[in-house]
Amino acid sequence: MIELSLSELNRSSFYEMTLQMIEQICDDYARKDDFGTLSMANQMVCDYLENTYSDFSADVVFQIESDGVTFQYTLQSGGFQSLAENKDGQNTALYVLQSLADEITFSSDYDTLVSTFHVKTNMNIQRSLHHQEVRTRIFS
């Protein structure tokens, strides 16, 4: 498993930084066909955060395995409770997320959202570790 993290993203950096990471994941692990699905799911989370909070701070962890990609979003304050609520199917963002991801889970206190996509990745561990080192230097 390869794990990549982005910390303390805020309203002005969230979308750009997460989209760059998704592009990199799709390039590095031969998932270009999944870019639309992954980026649209991320866009739903971004839209929720921007529509719910005037400002926020979030950490995002991307986990890449041979059989899937997982995005874990953790808010420093606030939560995903109103996103998790689906009164009579009216929550469009949750519906789209559930349509795109294979699994959507929320922590019991709603401060963490995990979306899992069952896609086969082309994992080359040496190449992956090299790219992770490069990204660590770039994003640190």
Protein backbone atom coordinates (compact mmCIF):
# COMPACT_ATOMS: atom_id res chain seq x y z
CA MET A 1 0.00 0.00 0.00
CA ILE A 2 1.15 3.52 -0.82
CA GLU A 3 -0.16 6.39 1.28
CA LEU A 4 0.01 10.06 0.27
CA SER A 5 -1.13 12.90 2.50
CA LEU A 6 -2.07 16.53 2.15
CA SER A 7 -2.38 18.45 5.40
CA GLU A 8 -4.15 21.61 6.49
CA LEU A 9 -5.87 22.31 3.20
CA ASN A 10 -8.17 25.31 3.34
CA ARG A 11 -10.81 26.88 1.15
CA SER A 12 -8.23 28.40 -1.22
CA SER A 13 -6.00 25.32 -1.56
CA PHE A 14 -8.30 22.31 -1.21
CA TYR A 15 -9.52 21.88 -4.78
CA GLU A 16 -6.23 22.61 -6.56
CA MET A 17 -4.07 20.43 -4.31
CA THR A 18 -6.43 17.44 -4.25
CA LEU A 19 -6.96 17.61 -8.02
CA GLN A 20 -3.19 17.67 -8.61
CA MET A 21 -2.81 14.61 -6.40
CA ILE A 22 -5.60 12.77 -8.23
CA GLU A 23 -3.94 13.57 -11.58
CA GLN A 24 -0.64 12.26 -10.25
CA ILE A 25 -2.23 9.07 -8.91
CA CYS A 26 -3.95 8.43 -12.24
CA ASP A 27 -0.68 8.99 -14.12
CA ASP A 28 1.52 6.97 -11.77
CA TYR A 29 -0.79 3.98 -11.42
CA ALA A 30 -2.21 3.71 -14.95
CA ARG A 31 -5.72 4.86 -13.98
CA LYS A 32 -6.30 7.58 -16.58
CA ASP A 33 -9.70 6.05 -17.38
CA ASP A 34 -10.75 6.65 -13.75
CA PHE A 35 -9.70 10.31 -13.58
CA GLY A 36 -13.23 11.57 -14.27
CA THR A 37 -14.79 9.41 -11.56
CA LEU A 38 -12.15 10.22 -8.94
CA SER A 39 -12.09 13.95 -9.67
CA MET A 40 -15.91 14.22 -9.74
CA ALA A 41 -16.17 12.48 -6.36
CA ASN A 42 -13.54 14.86 -4.99
CA GLN A 43 -15.47 17.79 -6.51
CA MET A 44 -18.58 16.74 -4.56
CA VAL A 45 -16.60 16.85 -1.31
CA CYS A 46 -15.11 20.22 -2.26
CA ASP A 47 -18.54 21.64 -3.12
CA TYR A 48 -19.94 20.40 0.18
CA LEU A 49 -17.13 22.02 2.15
CA GLU A 50 -17.35 25.32 0.29
CA ASN A 51 -21.16 25.46 0.61
CA THR A 52 -21.16 24.49 4.29
CA TYR A 53 -18.18 26.36 5.77
CA SER A 54 -16.95 29.89 5.15
CA ASP A 55 -13.50 28.56 6.05
CA PHE A 56 -12.24 25.09 6.87
CA SER A 57 -9.09 23.08 7.40
CA ALA A 58 -8.91 19.51 6.16
CA ASP A 59 -6.40 16.71 5.87
CA VAL A 60 -6.69 14.30 2.96
CA VAL A 61 -5.05 10.88 2.82
CA PHE A 62 -4.90 8.93 -0.43
CA GLN A 63 -4.28 5.19 -0.12
CA ILE A 64 -3.36 3.27 -3.25
CA GLU A 65 -3.44 -0.51 -3.35
CA SER A 66 -3.45 -2.98 -6.22
CA ASP A 67 -7.23 -3.37 -5.96
CA GLY A 68 -8.34 0.15 -5.18
CA VAL A 69 -7.92 3.76 -4.22
CA THR A 70 -9.24 5.28 -1.00
CA PHE A 71 -9.68 8.97 -0.17
CA GLN A 72 -9.96 9.89 3.50
CA TYR A 73 -11.05 13.45 4.27
CA THR A 74 -10.74 14.65 7.88
CA LEU A 75 -11.97 18.06 9.00
CA GLN A 76 -10.13 19.85 11.80
CA SER A 77 -13.37 21.46 12.97
CA GLY A 78 -16.90 20.86 11.80
CA GLY A 79 -17.98 17.69 10.17
CA PHE A 80 -19.75 15.82 7.41
CA GLN A 81 -23.00 15.28 9.30
CA SER A 82 -25.23 17.27 6.96
CA LEU A 83 -23.63 15.49 3.99
CA ALA A 84 -24.40 12.12 5.59
CA GLU A 85 -28.04 13.02 6.10
CA ASN A 86 -30.22 12.11 3.16
CA LYS A 87 -33.75 13.27 3.76
CA ASP A 88 -35.97 11.72 1.09
CA GLY A 89 -33.07 11.43 -1.36
CA GLN A 90 -32.67 15.20 -1.60
CA ASN A 91 -28.93 15.27 -0.84
CA THR A 92 -27.49 15.49 -4.35
CA ALA A 93 -23.83 15.52 -3.26
CA LEU A 94 -24.26 12.31 -1.24
CA TYR A 95 -26.19 10.68 -4.10
CA VAL A 96 -23.43 11.51 -6.59
CA LEU A 97 -20.73 10.30 -4.18
CA GLN A 98 -22.57 7.04 -3.61
CA SER A 99 -23.00 6.63 -7.38
CA LEU A 100 -19.30 7.16 -8.08
CA ALA A 101 -17.60 5.38 -5.18
CA ASP A 102 -17.91 1.74 -4.28
CA GLU A 103 -18.02 2.52 -0.57
CA ILE A 104 -18.76 5.70 1.41
CA THR A 105 -18.35 5.71 5.19
CA PHE A 106 -18.42 8.37 7.88
CA SER A 107 -16.73 8.24 11.28
CA SER A 108 -19.08 8.10 14.27
CA ASP A 109 -18.47 11.79 15.03
CA TYR A 110 -18.76 12.73 11.34
CA ASP A 111 -15.36 14.44 11.23
CA THR A 112 -14.03 11.91 8.68
CA LEU A 113 -15.39 10.80 5.31
CA VAL A 114 -13.86 7.81 3.53
CA SER A 115 -14.59 7.03 -0.11
CA THR A 116 -13.27 3.82 -1.67
CA PHE A 117 -13.01 3.03 -5.36
CA HIS A 118 -12.41 -0.57 -6.42
CA VAL A 119 -10.14 -0.03 -9.41
CA LYS A 120 -7.18 -2.13 -10.44
CA THR A 121 -3.99 -0.14 -10.21
CA ASN A 122 -0.74 -0.84 -11.97
CA MET A 123 1.48 -0.92 -8.91
CA ASN A 124 5.20 -0.85 -9.48
CA ILE A 125 6.52 -0.47 -5.96
CA GLN A 126 9.96 0.94 -6.85
CA ARG A 127 8.51 3.53 -9.20
CA SER A 128 5.79 4.33 -6.68
CA LEU A 129 8.24 4.92 -3.85
CA HIS A 130 10.33 7.19 -6.06
CA HIS A 131 7.26 9.23 -7.03
CA GLN A 132 6.19 9.41 -3.39
CA GLU A 133 9.60 10.80 -2.41
CA VAL A 134 9.41 13.41 -5.18
CA ARG A 135 5.87 14.44 -4.19
CA THR A 136 6.87 14.65 -0.54
CA ARG A 137 9.55 17.16 -1.46
CA ILE A 138 7.18 19.11 -3.71
CA PHE A 139 4.17 19.26 -1.36
CA SER A 140 6.11 19.73 1.89
